[in-house]
């Protein structure tokens, strides 16, 4: 939207802006101008000057996800990740990751978890990944198997975890033709321990609840 701007404020700066808004109650915040100002936290508007009109929903959601990214936040819903990827698709993955990790290290936060925003080049790659997950789930259901049954069938050496090669073999057995790099990407996404192997809890989480709560990003 033309001539709409967002500015990140410190708490002290926000208190000053709120004081200005209260002192100009019912008036335009800048004399002889129709400029309007709103003070918000997340999606909640705390105060606004005369003439303020909320941003279009798509623009507001994009801004919120970008600010979460700048804050080195890792908690993005599938819909939020899709919105952010569309905003960052001109920025290479390596540059995103370097920026994100530098900010997190300055703030002494834990190691960066791998999220779609930091591993997928654009929104279309994310859609392709979602389709693969959905396809695997459908093929398992088509075999009449529960997830635990599928996990045990994939676990060739019966050690309770799936290696990349075991997952690759399992997907081939289901009838899904995948490339080795796809399997490696899938394991990196599913594996919560960082060991490069998939435990059943991770397997169940990925293929039973993946994107179920995504109202805007379902495939």
C-alpha atoms as a PDB file:
ATOM      1  CA  UNK A   1       0.000   0.000   0.000  1.00  0.00           C
ATOM      2  CA  UNK A   2       1.458   3.310  -1.065  1.00  0.00           C
ATOM      3  CA  UNK A   3       2.775   5.647   1.664  1.00  0.00           C
ATOM      4  CA  UNK A   4       2.246   3.236   4.570  1.00  0.00           C
ATOM      5  CA  UNK A   5       5.301   2.647   6.754  1.00  0.00           C
ATOM      6  CA  UNK A   6       6.151   0.503   9.768  1.00  0.00           C
ATOM      7  CA  UNK A   7       8.743   1.622  12.324  1.00  0.00           C
ATOM      8  CA  UNK A   8      10.133  -0.588  15.107  1.00  0.00           C
ATOM      9  CA  UNK A   9      10.283   1.249  18.429  1.00  0.00           C
ATOM     10  CA  UNK A  10      11.913   0.652  21.778  1.00  0.00           C
ATOM     11  CA  UNK A  11       9.663   0.630  24.845  1.00  0.00           C
ATOM     12  CA  UNK A  12      10.757   4.144  25.750  1.00  0.00           C
ATOM     13  CA  UNK A  13      10.077   5.403  22.220  1.00  0.00           C
ATOM     14  CA  UNK A  14       6.660   3.730  22.235  1.00  0.00           C
ATOM     15  CA  UNK A  15       5.782   5.469  25.517  1.00  0.00           C
ATOM     16  CA  UNK A  16       6.693   8.813  23.932  1.00  0.00           C
ATOM     17  CA  UNK A  17       4.549   8.129  20.859  1.00  0.00           C
ATOM     18  CA  UNK A  18       1.644   7.099  23.052  1.00  0.00           C
ATOM     19  CA  UNK A  19       1.952  10.342  24.992  1.00  0.00           C
ATOM     20  CA  UNK A  20       1.838  12.307  21.723  1.00  0.00           C
ATOM     21  CA  UNK A  21      -1.242  10.389  20.593  1.00  0.00           C
ATOM     22  CA  UNK A  22      -3.019  11.165  23.857  1.00  0.00           C
ATOM     23  CA  UNK A  23      -2.079  14.845  23.696  1.00  0.00           C
ATOM     24  CA  UNK A  24      -3.502  15.154  20.169  1.00  0.00           C
ATOM     25  CA  UNK A  25      -6.642  13.124  20.839  1.00  0.00           C
ATOM     26  CA  UNK A  26      -9.201  13.663  18.072  1.00  0.00           C
ATOM     27  CA  UNK A  27      -6.744  15.608  15.908  1.00  0.00           C
ATOM     28  CA  UNK A  28      -4.273  14.781  13.186  1.00  0.00           C
ATOM     29  CA  UNK A  29      -0.942  14.010  14.787  1.00  0.00           C
ATOM     30  CA  UNK A  30       0.965  16.380  12.496  1.00  0.00           C
ATOM     31  CA  UNK A  31      -0.546  19.887  12.145  1.00  0.00           C
ATOM     32  CA  UNK A  32      -1.687  20.840   8.616  1.00  0.00           C
ATOM     33  CA  UNK A  33      -1.198  17.214   7.514  1.00  0.00           C
ATOM     34  CA  UNK A  34      -3.484  14.219   7.193  1.00  0.00           C
ATOM     35  CA  UNK A  35      -0.728  11.872   8.403  1.00  0.00           C
ATOM     36  CA  UNK A  36      -2.079   9.276  10.827  1.00  0.00           C
ATOM     37  CA  UNK A  37      -0.205   7.072  13.291  1.00  0.00           C
ATOM     38  CA  UNK A  38      -1.042   3.852  15.127  1.00  0.00           C
ATOM     39  CA  UNK A  39       0.863   2.209  17.954  1.00  0.00           C
ATOM     40  CA  UNK A  40       0.623  -1.552  17.942  1.00  0.00           C
ATOM     41  CA  UNK A  41       2.136  -4.696  19.364  1.00  0.00           C
ATOM     42  CA  UNK A  42       1.817  -7.635  17.015  1.00  0.00           C
ATOM     43  CA  UNK A  43      -1.668  -7.485  15.517  1.00  0.00           C
ATOM     44  CA  UNK A  44      -3.143  -5.497  18.431  1.00  0.00           C
ATOM     45  CA  UNK A  45      -3.571  -1.712  17.979  1.00  0.00           C
ATOM     46  CA  UNK A  46      -2.952   0.035  21.307  1.00  0.00           C
ATOM     47  CA  UNK A  47      -3.635   3.621  20.219  1.00  0.00           C
ATOM     48  CA  UNK A  48      -4.256   5.466  16.972  1.00  0.00           C
ATOM     49  CA  UNK A  49      -4.567   9.045  15.804  1.00  0.00           C
ATOM     50  CA  UNK A  50      -7.404  10.589  13.846  1.00  0.00           C
ATOM     51  CA  UNK A  51      -7.778   9.248  10.320  1.00  0.00           C
ATOM     52  CA  UNK A  52      -5.968   5.949  10.899  1.00  0.00           C
ATOM     53  CA  UNK A  53      -7.105   3.118   8.632  1.00  0.00           C
ATOM     54  CA  UNK A  54      -5.774  -0.425   9.214  1.00  0.00           C
ATOM     55  CA  UNK A  55      -3.524  -1.951   6.555  1.00  0.00           C
ATOM     56  CA  UNK A  56      -4.870  -4.580   4.149  1.00  0.00           C
ATOM     57  CA  UNK A  57      -4.720  -8.024   5.769  1.00  0.00           C
ATOM     58  CA  UNK A  58      -2.081  -9.442   3.403  1.00  0.00           C
ATOM     59  CA  UNK A  59       0.228  -6.479   3.936  1.00  0.00           C
ATOM     60  CA  UNK A  60      -0.221  -6.588   7.702  1.00  0.00           C
ATOM     61  CA  UNK A  61       0.487 -10.330   7.908  1.00  0.00           C
ATOM     62  CA  UNK A  62       3.586  -9.992   5.717  1.00  0.00           C
ATOM     63  CA  UNK A  63       4.928  -7.207   7.915  1.00  0.00           C
ATOM     64  CA  UNK A  64       4.310  -9.183  11.100  1.00  0.00           C
ATOM     65  CA  UNK A  65       6.163 -12.244   9.780  1.00  0.00           C
ATOM     66  CA  UNK A  66       9.109 -10.147   8.560  1.00  0.00           C
ATOM     67  CA  UNK A  67       9.407  -8.507  11.976  1.00  0.00           C
ATOM     68  CA  UNK A  68       9.320 -11.928  13.647  1.00  0.00           C
ATOM     69  CA  UNK A  69      12.145 -12.975  11.340  1.00  0.00           C
ATOM     70  CA  UNK A  70      14.160  -9.857  12.244  1.00  0.00           C
ATOM     71  CA  UNK A  71      13.580 -10.797  15.893  1.00  0.00           C
ATOM     72  CA  UNK A  72      15.152 -14.242  15.179  1.00  0.00           C
ATOM     73  CA  UNK A  73      11.884 -15.948  16.032  1.00  0.00           C
ATOM     74  CA  UNK A  74      11.650 -19.618  15.031  1.00  0.00           C
ATOM     75  CA  UNK A  75       7.966 -20.222  15.685  1.00  0.00           C
ATOM     76  CA  UNK A  76       6.180 -19.859  12.370  1.00  0.00           C
ATOM     77  CA  UNK A  77       2.984 -21.682  11.533  1.00  0.00           C
ATOM     78  CA  UNK A  78       2.868 -23.237   8.057  1.00  0.00           C
ATOM     79  CA  UNK A  79       0.755 -20.329   6.798  1.00  0.00           C
ATOM     80  CA  UNK A  80       3.144 -17.784   8.336  1.00  0.00           C
ATOM     81  CA  UNK A  81       6.154 -19.554   6.830  1.00  0.00           C
ATOM     82  CA  UNK A  82       4.521 -19.378   3.403  1.00  0.00           C
ATOM     83  CA  UNK A  83       3.858 -15.656   3.772  1.00  0.00           C
ATOM     84  CA  UNK A  84       7.434 -14.986   4.876  1.00  0.00           C
ATOM     85  CA  UNK A  85       8.921 -17.058   2.048  1.00  0.00           C
ATOM     86  CA  UNK A  86       6.981 -15.009  -0.487  1.00  0.00           C
ATOM     87  CA  UNK A  87       8.461 -11.855   1.057  1.00  0.00           C
ATOM     88  CA  UNK A  88      12.032 -13.225   1.096  1.00  0.00           C
ATOM     89  CA  UNK A  89      12.119 -15.114  -2.188  1.00  0.00           C
ATOM     90  CA  UNK A  90      14.656 -12.704  -3.722  1.00  0.00           C
ATOM     91  CA  UNK A  91      17.094 -13.261  -0.844  1.00  0.00           C
ATOM     92  CA  UNK A  92      19.236 -16.411  -1.237  1.00  0.00           C
ATOM     93  CA  UNK A  93      18.920 -19.033   1.497  1.00  0.00           C
ATOM     94  CA  UNK A  94      22.587 -18.641   2.512  1.00  0.00           C
ATOM     95  CA  UNK A  95      22.127 -14.921   3.151  1.00  0.00           C
ATOM     96  CA  UNK A  96      18.950 -15.516   5.152  1.00  0.00           C
ATOM     97  CA  UNK A  97      20.683 -18.118   7.288  1.00  0.00           C
ATOM     98  CA  UNK A  98      23.785 -15.967   7.853  1.00  0.00           C
ATOM     99  CA  UNK A  99      21.663 -12.990   8.949  1.00  0.00           C
ATOM    100  CA  UNK A 100      19.440 -15.111  11.171  1.00  0.00           C
ATOM    101  CA  UNK A 101      22.284 -16.919  12.930  1.00  0.00           C
ATOM    102  CA  UNK A 102      24.216 -13.693  13.497  1.00  0.00           C
ATOM    103  CA  UNK A 103      21.226 -12.068  15.177  1.00  0.00           C
ATOM    104  CA  UNK A 104      20.585 -15.142  17.334  1.00  0.00           C
ATOM    105  CA  UNK A 105      24.229 -15.328  18.408  1.00  0.00           C
ATOM    106  CA  UNK A 106      24.185 -11.655  19.446  1.00  0.00           C
ATOM    107  CA  UNK A 107      21.154 -12.370  21.589  1.00  0.00           C
ATOM    108  CA  UNK A 108      22.699 -15.546  23.047  1.00  0.00           C
ATOM    109  CA  UNK A 109      19.922 -17.762  21.819  1.00  0.00           C
ATOM    110  CA  UNK A 110      20.234 -21.472  21.151  1.00  0.00           C
ATOM    111  CA  UNK A 111      21.340 -22.951  17.852  1.00  0.00           C
ATOM    112  CA  UNK A 112      19.093 -22.148  14.921  1.00  0.00           C
ATOM    113  CA  UNK A 113      16.555 -24.917  14.229  1.00  0.00           C
ATOM    114  CA  UNK A 114      16.042 -25.709  10.568  1.00  0.00           C
ATOM    115  CA  UNK A 115      12.786 -24.134   9.413  1.00  0.00           C
ATOM    116  CA  UNK A 116      11.315 -23.900   5.899  1.00  0.00           C
ATOM    117  CA  UNK A 117      12.197 -20.207   5.823  1.00  0.00           C
ATOM    118  CA  UNK A 118      15.888 -21.079   6.198  1.00  0.00           C
ATOM    119  CA  UNK A 119      15.932 -24.146   3.978  1.00  0.00           C
ATOM    120  CA  UNK A 120      13.524 -23.529   1.099  1.00  0.00           C
ATOM    121  CA  UNK A 121      14.504 -21.028  -1.639  1.00  0.00           C
ATOM    122  CA  UNK A 122      10.941 -19.880  -2.313  1.00  0.00           C
ATOM    123  CA  UNK A 123       7.277 -20.541  -1.690  1.00  0.00           C
ATOM    124  CA  UNK A 124       7.009 -22.970  -4.601  1.00  0.00           C
ATOM    125  CA  UNK A 125       9.723 -25.166  -3.091  1.00  0.00           C
ATOM    126  CA  UNK A 126       7.746 -25.181   0.155  1.00  0.00           C
ATOM    127  CA  UNK A 127       4.605 -26.237  -1.726  1.00  0.00           C
ATOM    128  CA  UNK A 128       6.542 -29.055  -3.387  1.00  0.00           C
ATOM    129  CA  UNK A 129       7.772 -30.228   0.009  1.00  0.00           C
ATOM    130  CA  UNK A 130       4.251 -30.131   1.441  1.00  0.00           C
ATOM    131  CA  UNK A 131       3.001 -32.179  -1.492  1.00  0.00           C
ATOM    132  CA  UNK A 132       5.651 -34.820  -0.822  1.00  0.00           C
ATOM    133  CA  UNK A 133       4.643 -35.043   2.842  1.00  0.00           C
ATOM    134  CA  UNK A 134       0.979 -35.298   1.884  1.00  0.00           C
ATOM    135  CA  UNK A 135       1.781 -37.955  -0.712  1.00  0.00           C
ATOM    136  CA  UNK A 136       3.694 -40.079   1.789  1.00  0.00           C
ATOM    137  CA  UNK A 137       0.848 -39.872   4.270  1.00  0.00           C
ATOM    138  CA  UNK A 138      -1.649 -40.910   1.588  1.00  0.00           C
ATOM    139  CA  UNK A 139       0.476 -43.843   0.442  1.00  0.00           C
ATOM    140  CA  UNK A 140       0.828 -45.124   4.018  1.00  0.00           C
ATOM    141  CA  UNK A 141      -2.936 -44.878   4.477  1.00  0.00           C
ATOM    142  CA  UNK A 142      -3.441 -46.571   1.114  1.00  0.00           C
ATOM    143  CA  UNK A 143      -1.487 -49.571   2.386  1.00  0.00           C
ATOM    144  CA  UNK A 144      -3.907 -49.783   5.315  1.00  0.00           C
ATOM    145  CA  UNK A 145      -1.049 -49.193   7.743  1.00  0.00           C
ATOM    146  CA  UNK A 146      -0.808 -47.200  10.940  1.00  0.00           C
ATOM    147  CA  UNK A 147       2.213 -44.936  11.254  1.00  0.00           C
ATOM    148  CA  UNK A 148       3.878 -47.290  13.724  1.00  0.00           C
ATOM    149  CA  UNK A 149       3.440 -50.174  11.266  1.00  0.00           C
ATOM    150  CA  UNK A 150       5.029 -48.112   8.494  1.00  0.00           C
ATOM    151  CA  UNK A 151       7.894 -47.047  10.730  1.00  0.00           C
ATOM    152  CA  UNK A 152       8.637 -50.650  11.686  1.00  0.00           C
ATOM    153  CA  UNK A 153       8.429 -51.737   8.053  1.00  0.00           C
ATOM    154  CA  UNK A 154      10.948 -49.042   7.065  1.00  0.00           C
ATOM    155  CA  UNK A 155      13.279 -49.888   9.968  1.00  0.00           C
ATOM    156  CA  UNK A 156      15.231 -52.617   8.186  1.00  0.00           C
ATOM    157  CA  UNK A 157      17.837 -53.274  10.909  1.00  0.00           C
ATOM    158  CA  UNK A 158      15.313 -53.000  13.767  1.00  0.00           C
ATOM    159  CA  UNK A 159      17.308 -50.462  15.772  1.00  0.00           C
ATOM    160  CA  UNK A 160      14.331 -48.183  16.443  1.00  0.00           C
ATOM    161  CA  UNK A 161      15.467 -45.304  14.211  1.00  0.00           C
ATOM    162  CA  UNK A 162      15.396 -44.650  10.481  1.00  0.00           C
ATOM    163  CA  UNK A 163      18.510 -43.765   8.533  1.00  0.00           C
ATOM    164  CA  UNK A 164      18.333 -41.884   5.243  1.00  0.00           C
ATOM    165  CA  UNK A 165      18.821 -45.122   3.313  1.00  0.00           C
ATOM    166  CA  UNK A 166      16.047 -46.887   5.267  1.00  0.00           C
ATOM    167  CA  UNK A 167      13.642 -44.012   4.671  1.00  0.00           C
ATOM    168  CA  UNK A 168      14.589 -43.974   0.994  1.00  0.00           C
ATOM    169  CA  UNK A 169      13.927 -47.713   0.747  1.00  0.00           C
ATOM    170  CA  UNK A 170      10.626 -47.353   2.562  1.00  0.00           C
ATOM    171  CA  UNK A 171       9.436 -44.618   0.239  1.00  0.00           C
ATOM    172  CA  UNK A 172      10.444 -46.710  -2.783  1.00  0.00           C
ATOM    173  CA  UNK A 173       8.458 -49.615  -1.314  1.00  0.00           C
ATOM    174  CA  UNK A 174       5.434 -47.332  -0.982  1.00  0.00           C
ATOM    175  CA  UNK A 175       5.779 -46.522  -4.673  1.00  0.00           C
ATOM    176  CA  UNK A 176       7.044 -42.959  -4.299  1.00  0.00           C
ATOM    177  CA  UNK A 177       9.907 -42.079  -6.608  1.00  0.00           C
ATOM    178  CA  UNK A 178      12.207 -39.624  -4.838  1.00  0.00           C
ATOM    179  CA  UNK A 179      15.742 -38.363  -5.287  1.00  0.00           C
ATOM    180  CA  UNK A 180      18.370 -38.925  -2.555  1.00  0.00           C
ATOM    181  CA  UNK A 181      18.600 -35.174  -1.969  1.00  0.00           C
ATOM    182  CA  UNK A 182      14.841 -35.106  -1.304  1.00  0.00           C
ATOM    183  CA  UNK A 183      15.223 -37.777   1.345  1.00  0.00           C
ATOM    184  CA  UNK A 184      18.111 -35.923   2.974  1.00  0.00           C
ATOM    185  CA  UNK A 185      16.023 -32.744   3.070  1.00  0.00           C
ATOM    186  CA  UNK A 186      13.106 -34.674   4.534  1.00  0.00           C
ATOM    187  CA  UNK A 187      15.264 -36.170   7.278  1.00  0.00           C
ATOM    188  CA  UNK A 188      16.772 -32.783   8.123  1.00  0.00           C
ATOM    189  CA  UNK A 189      13.278 -31.381   8.495  1.00  0.00           C
ATOM    190  CA  UNK A 190      11.845 -34.263  10.528  1.00  0.00           C
ATOM    191  CA  UNK A 191      14.837 -34.996  12.769  1.00  0.00           C
ATOM    192  CA  UNK A 192      14.596 -32.977  15.986  1.00  0.00           C
ATOM    193  CA  UNK A 193      17.833 -34.323  17.511  1.00  0.00           C
ATOM    194  CA  UNK A 194      20.207 -33.219  14.757  1.00  0.00           C
ATOM    195  CA  UNK A 195      21.659 -36.740  14.484  1.00  0.00           C
ATOM    196  CA  UNK A 196      20.554 -37.305  10.905  1.00  0.00           C
ATOM    197  CA  UNK A 197      18.218 -40.145  11.856  1.00  0.00           C
ATOM    198  CA  UNK A 198      14.471 -40.251  12.433  1.00  0.00           C
ATOM    199  CA  UNK A 199      12.904 -41.516  15.648  1.00  0.00           C
ATOM    200  CA  UNK A 200       9.292 -42.649  15.759  1.00  0.00           C
ATOM    201  CA  UNK A 201       8.109 -39.562  17.654  1.00  0.00           C
ATOM    202  CA  UNK A 202       9.474 -37.369  14.852  1.00  0.00           C
ATOM    203  CA  UNK A 203       8.012 -39.667  12.208  1.00  0.00           C
ATOM    204  CA  UNK A 204       4.588 -39.581  13.833  1.00  0.00           C
ATOM    205  CA  UNK A 205       4.637 -35.794  14.248  1.00  0.00           C
ATOM    206  CA  UNK A 206       5.606 -35.238  10.615  1.00  0.00           C
ATOM    207  CA  UNK A 207       3.085 -37.547   9.004  1.00  0.00           C
ATOM    208  CA  UNK A 208       0.107 -37.273  11.325  1.00  0.00           C
ATOM    209  CA  UNK A 209      -0.097 -33.551  12.086  1.00  0.00           C
ATOM    210  CA  UNK A 210       1.921 -31.866   9.333  1.00  0.00           C
ATOM    211  CA  UNK A 211       0.034 -28.680   8.390  1.00  0.00           C
ATOM    212  CA  UNK A 212      -3.248 -29.883   9.864  1.00  0.00           C
ATOM    213  CA  UNK A 213      -3.738 -26.556  11.595  1.00  0.00           C
ATOM    214  CA  UNK A 214      -2.790 -24.524   8.543  1.00  0.00           C
ATOM    215  CA  UNK A 215      -5.910 -22.657   7.479  1.00  0.00           C
ATOM    216  CA  UNK A 216      -4.248 -20.573   4.765  1.00  0.00           C
ATOM    217  CA  UNK A 217      -1.433 -22.804   3.572  1.00  0.00           C
ATOM    218  CA  UNK A 218      -2.981 -26.172   2.940  1.00  0.00           C
ATOM    219  CA  UNK A 219      -2.336 -27.881  -0.344  1.00  0.00           C
END
